[in-house]
PDB file of all heavy atoms in Angstrom:
ATOM      1  N   SER A   1      35.066 100.813 -32.694  1.00  0.00           N
ATOM      2  CA  SER A   1      35.560 102.180 -32.781  1.00  0.00           C
ATOM      3  C   SER A   1      35.227 102.801 -34.133  1.00  0.00           C
ATOM      4  O   SER A   1      34.801 103.957 -34.215  1.00  0.00           O
ATOM      5  CB  SER A   1      37.077 102.190 -32.548  1.00  0.00           C
ATOM      6  OG  SER A   1      37.601 103.488 -32.674  1.00  0.00           O
ATOM      7  N   LEU A   2      35.425 102.032 -35.213  1.00  0.00           N
ATOM      8  CA  LEU A   2      35.060 102.512 -36.544  1.00  0.00           C
ATOM      9  C   LEU A   2      33.568 102.835 -36.627  1.00  0.00           C
ATOM     10  O   LEU A   2      33.151 103.742 -37.343  1.00  0.00           O
ATOM     11  CB  LEU A   2      35.415 101.456 -37.601  1.00  0.00           C
ATOM     12  CG  LEU A   2      36.893 101.318 -37.978  1.00  0.00           C
ATOM     13  CD1 LEU A   2      37.110 100.063 -38.811  1.00  0.00           C
ATOM     14  CD2 LEU A   2      37.372 102.546 -38.753  1.00  0.00           C
ATOM     15  N   SER A   3      32.761 102.078 -35.865  1.00  0.00           N
ATOM     16  CA  SER A   3      31.307 102.260 -35.869  1.00  0.00           C
ATOM     17  C   SER A   3      30.859 103.455 -35.034  1.00  0.00           C
ATOM     18  O   SER A   3      29.663 103.738 -34.954  1.00  0.00           O
ATOM     19  CB  SER A   3      30.615 100.991 -35.341  1.00  0.00           C
ATOM     20  OG  SER A   3      30.956  99.871 -36.109  1.00  0.00           O
ATOM     21  N   GLY A   4      31.820 104.117 -34.362  1.00  0.00           N
ATOM     22  CA  GLY A   4      31.474 105.292 -33.569  1.00  0.00           C
ATOM     23  C   GLY A   4      31.097 104.991 -32.133  1.00  0.00           C
ATOM     24  O   GLY A   4      30.446 105.816 -31.473  1.00  0.00           O
ATOM     25  N   LYS A   5      31.524 103.839 -31.602  1.00  0.00           N
ATOM     26  CA  LYS A   5      31.169 103.459 -30.233  1.00  0.00           C
ATOM     27  C   LYS A   5      32.162 103.975 -29.186  1.00  0.00           C
ATOM     28  O   LYS A   5      31.960 103.741 -27.992  1.00  0.00           O
ATOM     29  CB  LYS A   5      31.066 101.928 -30.127  1.00  0.00           C
ATOM     30  CG  LYS A   5      30.026 101.292 -31.047  1.00  0.00           C
ATOM     31  CD  LYS A   5      28.620 101.723 -30.692  1.00  0.00           C
ATOM     32  CE  LYS A   5      27.598 101.028 -31.586  1.00  0.00           C
ATOM     33  NZ  LYS A   5      26.218 101.495 -31.294  1.00  0.00           N
ATOM     34  N   GLY A   6      33.212 104.662 -29.617  1.00  0.00           N
ATOM     35  CA  GLY A   6      34.192 105.181 -28.674  1.00  0.00           C
ATOM     36  C   GLY A   6      35.598 104.951 -29.168  1.00  0.00           C
ATOM     37  O   GLY A   6      35.817 104.439 -30.278  1.00  0.00           O
ATOM     38  N   ASP A   7      36.588 105.343 -28.348  1.00  0.00           N
ATOM     39  CA  ASP A   7      37.967 105.082 -28.743  1.00  0.00           C
ATOM     40  C   ASP A   7      38.276 103.594 -28.594  1.00  0.00           C
ATOM     41  O   ASP A   7      37.486 102.828 -28.031  1.00  0.00           O
ATOM     42  CB  ASP A   7      38.940 105.937 -27.934  1.00  0.00           C
ATOM     43  CG  ASP A   7      38.849 105.711 -26.427  1.00  0.00           C
ATOM     44  OD1 ASP A   7      38.658 104.558 -26.001  1.00  0.00           O
ATOM     45  OD2 ASP A   7      38.966 106.693 -25.669  1.00  0.00           O
ATOM     46  N   VAL A   8      39.424 103.191 -29.108  1.00  0.00           N
ATOM     47  CA  VAL A   8      39.754 101.758 -29.154  1.00  0.00           C
ATOM     48  C   VAL A   8      39.830 101.163 -27.754  1.00  0.00           C
ATOM     49  O   VAL A   8      39.363 100.034 -27.518  1.00  0.00           O
ATOM     50  CB  VAL A   8      41.075 101.537 -29.926  1.00  0.00           C
ATOM     51  CG1 VAL A   8      41.494 100.070 -29.852  1.00  0.00           C
ATOM     52  CG2 VAL A   8      40.927 101.956 -31.379  1.00  0.00           C
ATOM     53  N   GLU A   9      40.396 101.890 -26.793  1.00  0.00           N
ATOM     54  CA  GLU A   9      40.526 101.363 -25.433  1.00  0.00           C
ATOM     55  C   GLU A   9      39.152 101.135 -24.803  1.00  0.00           C
ATOM     56  O   GLU A   9      38.906 100.090 -24.171  1.00  0.00           O
ATOM     57  CB  GLU A   9      41.352 102.331 -24.576  1.00  0.00           C
ATOM     58  CG  GLU A   9      42.818 102.426 -24.954  1.00  0.00           C
ATOM     59  CD  GLU A   9      43.081 103.215 -26.225  1.00  0.00           C
ATOM     60  OE1 GLU A   9      42.156 103.980 -26.647  1.00  0.00           O
ATOM     61  OE2 GLU A   9      44.161 103.071 -26.813  1.00  0.00           O
ATOM     62  N   THR A  10      38.257 102.108 -24.954  1.00  0.00           N
ATOM     63  CA  THR A  10      36.892 101.959 -24.418  1.00  0.00           C
ATOM     64  C   THR A  10      36.189 100.791 -25.082  1.00  0.00           C
ATOM     65  O   THR A  10      35.528  99.985 -24.407  1.00  0.00           O
ATOM     66  CB  THR A  10      36.089 103.256 -24.660  1.00  0.00           C
ATOM     67  OG1 THR A  10      36.734 104.340 -23.993  1.00  0.00           O
ATOM     68  CG2 THR A  10      34.658 103.111 -24.163  1.00  0.00           C
ATOM     69  N   CYS A  11      36.344 100.680 -26.397  1.00  0.00           N
ATOM     70  CA  CYS A  11      35.682  99.595 -27.134  1.00  0.00           C
ATOM     71  C   CYS A  11      36.265  98.234 -26.775  1.00  0.00           C
ATOM     72  O   CYS A  11      35.543  97.229 -26.771  1.00  0.00           O
ATOM     73  CB  CYS A  11      35.773  99.856 -28.635  1.00  0.00           C
ATOM     74  SG  CYS A  11      34.787 101.261 -29.194  1.00  0.00           S
ATOM     75  N   ARG A  12      37.550  98.187 -26.450  1.00  0.00           N
ATOM     76  CA  ARG A  12      38.160  96.926 -26.010  1.00  0.00           C
ATOM     77  C   ARG A  12      37.523  96.471 -24.700  1.00  0.00           C
ATOM     78  O   ARG A  12      37.203  95.288 -24.537  1.00  0.00           O
ATOM     79  CB  ARG A  12      39.669  97.113 -25.841  1.00  0.00           C
ATOM     80  CG  ARG A  12      40.413  95.968 -25.165  1.00  0.00           C
ATOM     81  CD  ARG A  12      40.538  94.742 -26.030  1.00  0.00           C
ATOM     82  NE  ARG A  12      41.161  93.638 -25.336  1.00  0.00           N
ATOM     83  CZ  ARG A  12      42.126  92.883 -25.840  1.00  0.00           C
ATOM     84  NH1 ARG A  12      42.588  93.110 -27.050  1.00  0.00           N
ATOM     85  NH2 ARG A  12      42.631  91.882 -25.150  1.00  0.00           N
ATOM     86  N   ARG A  13      37.291  97.396 -23.783  1.00  0.00           N
ATOM     87  CA  ARG A  13      36.654  97.040 -22.515  1.00  0.00           C
ATOM     88  C   ARG A  13      35.215  96.568 -22.761  1.00  0.00           C
ATOM     89  O   ARG A  13      34.756  95.613 -22.107  1.00  0.00           O
ATOM     90  CB  ARG A  13      36.679  98.230 -21.550  1.00  0.00           C
ATOM     91  CG  ARG A  13      38.074  98.573 -21.030  1.00  0.00           C
ATOM     92  CD  ARG A  13      38.021  99.538 -19.855  1.00  0.00           C
ATOM     93  NE  ARG A  13      37.526 100.851 -20.258  1.00  0.00           N
ATOM     94  CZ  ARG A  13      38.301 101.840 -20.690  1.00  0.00           C
ATOM     95  NH1 ARG A  13      39.607 101.659 -20.798  1.00  0.00           N
ATOM     96  NH2 ARG A  13      37.772 103.009 -21.012  1.00  0.00           N
ATOM     97  N   MET A  14      34.521  97.205 -23.677  1.00  0.00           N
ATOM     98  CA  MET A  14      33.157  96.780 -24.023  1.00  0.00           C
ATOM     99  C   MET A  14      33.170  95.350 -24.563  1.00  0.00           C
ATOM    100  O   MET A  14      32.331  94.519 -24.191  1.00  0.00           O
ATOM    101  CB  MET A  14      32.562  97.726 -25.071  1.00  0.00           C
ATOM    102  CG  MET A  14      32.261  99.125 -24.592  1.00  0.00           C
ATOM    103  SD  MET A  14      31.866 100.260 -25.960  1.00  0.00           S
ATOM    104  CE  MET A  14      30.459  99.427 -26.703  1.00  0.00           C
ATOM    105  N   ALA A  15      34.128  95.064 -25.458  1.00  0.00           N
ATOM    106  CA  ALA A  15      34.218  93.729 -26.061  1.00  0.00           C
ATOM    107  C   ALA A  15      34.531  92.672 -25.007  1.00  0.00           C
ATOM    108  O   ALA A  15      33.958  91.570 -25.012  1.00  0.00           O
ATOM    109  CB  ALA A  15      35.283  93.732 -27.158  1.00  0.00           C
ATOM    110  N   GLU A  16      35.451  92.997 -24.084  1.00  0.00           N
ATOM    111  CA  GLU A  16      35.789  92.045 -23.020  1.00  0.00           C
ATOM    112  C   GLU A  16      34.586  91.768 -22.130  1.00  0.00           C
ATOM    113  O   GLU A  16      34.352  90.619 -21.729  1.00  0.00           O
ATOM    114  CB  GLU A  16      36.955  92.587 -22.200  1.00  0.00           C
ATOM    115  CG  GLU A  16      38.287  92.553 -22.948  1.00  0.00           C
ATOM    116  CD  GLU A  16      39.422  93.173 -22.154  1.00  0.00           C
ATOM    117  OE1 GLU A  16      39.142  93.853 -21.142  1.00  0.00           O
ATOM    118  OE2 GLU A  16      40.591  92.977 -22.561  1.00  0.00           O
ATOM    119  N   HIS A  17      33.806  92.793 -21.832  1.00  0.00           N
ATOM    120  CA  HIS A  17      32.609  92.597 -21.008  1.00  0.00           C
ATOM    121  C   HIS A  17      31.597  91.719 -21.736  1.00  0.00           C
ATOM    122  O   HIS A  17      30.960  90.846 -21.119  1.00  0.00           O
ATOM    123  CB  HIS A  17      31.985  93.945 -20.655  1.00  0.00           C
ATOM    124  CG  HIS A  17      30.703  93.825 -19.864  1.00  0.00           C
ATOM    125  ND1 HIS A  17      30.691  93.419 -18.544  1.00  0.00           N
ATOM    126  CD2 HIS A  17      29.399  94.010 -20.224  1.00  0.00           C
ATOM    127  CE1 HIS A  17      29.440  93.370 -18.115  1.00  0.00           C
ATOM    128  NE2 HIS A  17      28.640  93.733 -19.111  1.00  0.00           N
ATOM    129  N   ALA A  18      31.427  91.939 -23.042  1.00  0.00           N
ATOM    130  CA  ALA A  18      30.484  91.124 -23.821  1.00  0.00           C
ATOM    131  C   ALA A  18      30.886  89.655 -23.800  1.00  0.00           C
ATOM    132  O   ALA A  18      30.029  88.760 -23.743  1.00  0.00           O
ATOM    133  CB  ALA A  18      30.424  91.636 -25.258  1.00  0.00           C
ATOM    134  N   LEU A  19      32.192  89.413 -23.826  1.00  0.00           N
ATOM    135  CA  LEU A  19      32.685  88.032 -23.786  1.00  0.00           C
ATOM    136  C   LEU A  19      32.524  87.429 -22.400  1.00  0.00           C
ATOM    137  O   LEU A  19      31.992  86.321 -22.237  1.00  0.00           O
ATOM    138  CB  LEU A  19      34.153  88.013 -24.220  1.00  0.00           C
ATOM    139  CG  LEU A  19      34.817  86.644 -24.420  1.00  0.00           C
ATOM    140  CD1 LEU A  19      34.072  85.832 -25.458  1.00  0.00           C
ATOM    141  CD2 LEU A  19      36.270  86.827 -24.830  1.00  0.00           C
ATOM    142  N   GLU A  20      32.931  88.171 -21.380  1.00  0.00           N
ATOM    143  CA  GLU A  20      32.927  87.644 -20.013  1.00  0.00           C
ATOM    144  C   GLU A  20      31.514  87.502 -19.445  1.00  0.00           C
ATOM    145  O   GLU A  20      31.257  86.608 -18.631  1.00  0.00           O
ATOM    146  CB  GLU A  20      33.762  88.557 -19.113  1.00  0.00           C
ATOM    147  CG  GLU A  20      35.255  88.518 -19.451  1.00  0.00           C
ATOM    148  CD  GLU A  20      36.030  89.678 -18.841  1.00  0.00           C
ATOM    149  OE1 GLU A  20      35.399  90.494 -18.126  1.00  0.00           O
ATOM    150  OE2 GLU A  20      37.250  89.763 -19.090  1.00  0.00           O
ATOM    151  N   SER A  21      30.591  88.339 -19.870  1.00  0.00           N
ATOM    152  CA  SER A  21      29.224  88.300 -19.340  1.00  0.00           C
ATOM    153  C   SER A  21      28.360  87.225 -19.976  1.00  0.00           C
ATOM    154  O   SER A  21      27.268  86.924 -19.480  1.00  0.00           O
ATOM    155  CB  SER A  21      28.554  89.665 -19.544  1.00  0.00           C
ATOM    156  OG  SER A  21      28.343  89.906 -20.938  1.00  0.00           O
ATOM    157  N   GLY A  22      28.818  86.668 -21.087  1.00  0.00           N
ATOM    158  CA  GLY A  22      28.013  85.682 -21.811  1.00  0.00           C
ATOM    159  C   GLY A  22      27.111  86.310 -22.864  1.00  0.00           C
ATOM    160  O   GLY A  22      26.408  85.585 -23.580  1.00  0.00           O
ATOM    161  N   ALA A  23      27.135  87.636 -22.984  1.00  0.00           N
ATOM    162  CA  ALA A  23      26.272  88.306 -23.965  1.00  0.00           C
ATOM    163  C   ALA A  23      26.644  87.925 -25.396  1.00  0.00           C
ATOM    164  O   ALA A  23      25.773  87.750 -26.254  1.00  0.00           O
ATOM    165  CB  ALA A  23      26.362  89.823 -23.783  1.00  0.00           C
ATOM    166  N   ALA A  24      27.936  87.768 -25.663  1.00  0.00           N
ATOM    167  CA  ALA A  24      28.370  87.385 -27.006  1.00  0.00           C
ATOM    168  C   ALA A  24      27.932  85.956 -27.328  1.00  0.00           C
ATOM    169  O   ALA A  24      27.536  85.656 -28.464  1.00  0.00           O
ATOM    170  CB  ALA A  24      29.884  87.518 -27.125  1.00  0.00           C
ATOM    171  N   LEU A  25      27.991  85.056 -26.338  1.00  0.00           N
ATOM    172  CA  LEU A  25      27.518  83.678 -26.539  1.00  0.00           C
ATOM    173  C   LEU A  25      26.033  83.673 -26.883  1.00  0.00           C
ATOM    174  O   LEU A  25      25.588  82.928 -27.770  1.00  0.00           O
ATOM    175  CB  LEU A  25      27.778  82.847 -25.284  1.00  0.00           C
ATOM    176  CG  LEU A  25      27.295  81.390 -25.333  1.00  0.00           C
ATOM    177  CD1 LEU A  25      28.029  80.602 -26.406  1.00  0.00           C
ATOM    178  CD2 LEU A  25      27.461  80.721 -23.973  1.00  0.00           C
ATOM    179  N   GLU A  26      25.245  84.510 -26.188  1.00  0.00           N
ATOM    180  CA  GLU A  26      23.814  84.603 -26.485  1.00  0.00           C
ATOM    181  C   GLU A  26      23.579  85.065 -27.916  1.00  0.00           C
ATOM    182  O   GLU A  26      22.675  84.557 -28.601  1.00  0.00           O
ATOM    183  CB  GLU A  26      23.139  85.553 -25.497  1.00  0.00           C
ATOM    184  CG  GLU A  26      23.053  85.021 -24.064  1.00  0.00           C
ATOM    185  CD  GLU A  26      22.404  86.021 -23.123  1.00  0.00           C
ATOM    186  OE1 GLU A  26      21.836  87.022 -23.616  1.00  0.00           O
ATOM    187  OE2 GLU A  26      22.466  85.809 -21.898  1.00  0.00           O
ATOM    188  N   LYS A  27      24.371  86.038 -28.391  1.00  0.00           N
ATOM    189  CA  LYS A  27      24.229  86.515 -29.768  1.00  0.00           C
ATOM    190  C   LYS A  27      24.575  85.421 -30.774  1.00  0.00           C
ATOM    191  O   LYS A  27      23.906  85.261 -31.797  1.00  0.00           O
ATOM    192  CB  LYS A  27      25.129  87.739 -29.996  1.00  0.00           C
ATOM    193  CG  LYS A  27      24.618  89.009 -29.357  1.00  0.00           C
ATOM    194  CD  LYS A  27      23.340  89.523 -30.042  1.00  0.00           C
ATOM    195  CE  LYS A  27      22.896  90.856 -29.475  1.00  0.00           C
ATOM    196  NZ  LYS A  27      21.644  91.344 -30.094  1.00  0.00           N
ATOM    197  N   PHE A  28      25.638  84.664 -30.475  1.00  0.00           N
ATOM    198  CA  PHE A  28      26.028  83.582 -31.382  1.00  0.00           C
ATOM    199  C   PHE A  28      24.933  82.535 -31.453  1.00  0.00           C
ATOM    200  O   PHE A  28      24.573  82.067 -32.537  1.00  0.00           O
ATOM    201  CB  PHE A  28      27.344  82.962 -30.907  1.00  0.00           C
ATOM    202  CG  PHE A  28      27.967  82.005 -31.898  1.00  0.00           C
ATOM    203  CD1 PHE A  28      28.210  82.393 -33.194  1.00  0.00           C
ATOM    204  CD2 PHE A  28      28.316  80.717 -31.507  1.00  0.00           C
ATOM    205  CE1 PHE A  28      28.799  81.511 -34.109  1.00  0.00           C
ATOM    206  CE2 PHE A  28      28.898  79.832 -32.404  1.00  0.00           C
ATOM    207  CZ  PHE A  28      29.141  80.240 -33.713  1.00  0.00           C
ATOM    208  N   SER A  29      24.380  82.170 -30.311  1.00  0.00           N
ATOM    209  CA  SER A  29      23.289  81.199 -30.265  1.00  0.00           C
ATOM    210  C   SER A  29      22.077  81.714 -31.028  1.00  0.00           C
ATOM    211  O   SER A  29      21.433  80.966 -31.785  1.00  0.00           O
ATOM    212  CB  SER A  29      22.922  80.910 -28.807  1.00  0.00           C
ATOM    213  OG  SER A  29      21.878  79.975 -28.724  1.00  0.00           O
ATOM    214  N   ALA A  30      21.755  82.997 -30.855  1.00  0.00           N
ATOM    215  CA  ALA A  30      20.594  83.579 -31.544  1.00  0.00           C
ATOM    216  C   ALA A  30      20.815  83.601 -33.050  1.00  0.00           C
ATOM    217  O   ALA A  30      19.877  83.336 -33.831  1.00  0.00           O
ATOM    218  CB  ALA A  30      20.346  84.996 -31.025  1.00  0.00           C
ATOM    219  N   MET A  31      22.035  83.906 -33.493  1.00  0.00           N
ATOM    220  CA  MET A  31      22.329  83.912 -34.925  1.00  0.00           C
ATOM    221  C   MET A  31      22.210  82.511 -35.513  1.00  0.00           C
ATOM    222  O   MET A  31      21.638  82.317 -36.597  1.00  0.00           O
ATOM    223  CB  MET A  31      23.735  84.463 -35.179  1.00  0.00           C
ATOM    224  CG  MET A  31      24.061  84.633 -36.653  1.00  0.00           C
ATOM    225  SD  MET A  31      25.762  85.191 -36.971  1.00  0.00           S
ATOM    226  CE  MET A  31      26.673  83.646 -36.784  1.00  0.00           C
ATOM    227  N   ILE A  32      22.727  81.510 -34.792  1.00  0.00           N
ATOM    228  CA  ILE A  32      22.619  80.124 -35.265  1.00  0.00           C
ATOM    229  C   ILE A  32      21.152  79.739 -35.433  1.00  0.00           C
ATOM    230  O   ILE A  32      20.746  79.197 -36.473  1.00  0.00           O
ATOM    231  CB  ILE A  32      23.321  79.159 -34.292  1.00  0.00           C
ATOM    232  CG1 ILE A  32      24.832  79.379 -34.299  1.00  0.00           C
ATOM    233  CG2 ILE A  32      23.010  77.700 -34.648  1.00  0.00           C
ATOM    234  CD1 ILE A  32      25.576  78.620 -33.222  1.00  0.00           C
ATOM    235  N   ALA A  33      20.336  80.029 -34.416  1.00  0.00           N
ATOM    236  CA  ALA A  33      18.909  79.676 -34.468  1.00  0.00           C
ATOM    237  C   ALA A  33      18.209  80.405 -35.610  1.00  0.00           C
ATOM    238  O   ALA A  33      17.406  79.810 -36.341  1.00  0.00           O
ATOM    239  CB  ALA A  33      18.245  80.002 -33.137  1.00  0.00           C
ATOM    240  N   ALA A  34      18.516  81.692 -35.780  1.00  0.00           N
ATOM    241  CA  ALA A  34      17.857  82.475 -36.825  1.00  0.00           C
ATOM    242  C   ALA A  34      18.202  81.964 -38.216  1.00  0.00           C
ATOM    243  O   ALA A  34      17.411  82.108 -39.154  1.00  0.00           O
ATOM    244  CB  ALA A  34      18.252  83.938 -36.689  1.00  0.00           C
ATOM    245  N   GLN A  35      19.385  81.354 -38.365  1.00  0.00           N
ATOM    246  CA  GLN A  35      19.803  80.840 -39.659  1.00  0.00           C
ATOM    247  C   GLN A  35      19.557  79.333 -39.795  1.00  0.00           C
ATOM    248  O   GLN A  35      20.130  78.681 -40.661  1.00  0.00           O
ATOM    249  CB  GLN A  35      21.269  81.195 -39.925  1.00  0.00           C
ATOM    250  CG  GLN A  35      21.476  82.713 -40.026  1.00  0.00           C
ATOM    251  CD  GLN A  35      22.840  83.137 -40.508  1.00  0.00           C
ATOM    252  OE1 GLN A  35      23.484  83.974 -39.886  1.00  0.00           O
ATOM    253  NE2 GLN A  35      23.300  82.588 -41.619  1.00  0.00           N
ATOM    254  N   GLY A  36      18.671  78.813 -38.936  1.00  0.00           N
ATOM    255  CA  GLY A  36      18.218  77.432 -39.074  1.00  0.00           C
ATOM    256  C   GLY A  36      19.101  76.384 -38.455  1.00  0.00           C
ATOM    257  O   GLY A  36      18.864  75.182 -38.614  1.00  0.00           O
ATOM    258  N   GLY A  37      20.136  76.803 -37.718  1.00  0.00           N
ATOM    259  CA  GLY A  37      21.066  75.841 -37.149  1.00  0.00           C
ATOM    260  C   GLY A  37      20.657  75.334 -35.781  1.00  0.00           C
ATOM    261  O   GLY A  37      19.726  75.851 -35.151  1.00  0.00           O
ATOM    262  N   ASP A  38      21.352  74.313 -35.324  1.00  0.00           N
ATOM    263  CA  ASP A  38      21.120  73.714 -34.007  1.00  0.00           C
ATOM    264  C   ASP A  38      21.835  74.553 -32.948  1.00  0.00           C
ATOM    265  O   ASP A  38      23.028  74.381 -32.701  1.00  0.00           O
ATOM    266  CB  ASP A  38      21.639  72.278 -34.007  1.00  0.00           C
ATOM    267  CG  ASP A  38      21.472  71.594 -32.653  1.00  0.00           C
ATOM    268  OD1 ASP A  38      20.800  72.165 -31.766  1.00  0.00           O
ATOM    269  OD2 ASP A  38      22.014  70.482 -32.482  1.00  0.00           O
ATOM    270  N   ALA A  39      21.103  75.476 -32.330  1.00  0.00           N
ATOM    271  CA  ALA A  39      21.703  76.379 -31.344  1.00  0.00           C
ATOM    272  C   ALA A  39      22.156  75.653 -30.084  1.00  0.00           C
ATOM    273  O   ALA A  39      22.935  76.203 -29.293  1.00  0.00           O
ATOM    274  CB  ALA A  39      20.712  77.478 -30.977  1.00  0.00           C
ATOM    275  N   LEU A  40      21.726  74.417 -29.879  1.00  0.00           N
ATOM    276  CA  LEU A  40      22.142  73.656 -28.699  1.00  0.00           C
ATOM    277  C   LEU A  40      23.629  73.289 -28.740  1.00  0.00           C
ATOM    278  O   LEU A  40      24.186  72.875 -27.724  1.00  0.00           O
ATOM    279  CB  LEU A  40      21.294  72.393 -28.550  1.00  0.00           C
ATOM    280  CG  LEU A  40      19.821  72.621 -28.164  1.00  0.00           C
ATOM    281  CD1 LEU A  40      19.078  71.299 -28.135  1.00  0.00           C
ATOM    282  CD2 LEU A  40      19.721  73.321 -26.806  1.00  0.00           C
ATOM    283  N   VAL A  41      24.269  73.475 -29.923  1.00  0.00           N
ATOM    284  CA  VAL A  41      25.707  73.200 -29.977  1.00  0.00           C
ATOM    285  C   VAL A  41      26.468  74.140 -29.048  1.00  0.00           C
ATOM    286  O   VAL A  41      27.565  73.802 -28.580  1.00  0.00           O
ATOM    287  CB  VAL A  41      26.268  73.332 -31.419  1.00  0.00           C
ATOM    288  CG1 VAL A  41      25.640  72.303 -32.347  1.00  0.00           C
ATOM    289  CG2 VAL A  41      26.100  74.749 -31.954  1.00  0.00           C
TER     290      VAL A  41
END
């Protein structure tokens, strides 16, 4: 919401979808790999 993505309620639904869809897991894995870590964890 602070970033301008919508009101808090709308952004909460966006965050829940990112978690439930696996999109957030993909981002975490990509960040680990980009920083040299074992993304297979």
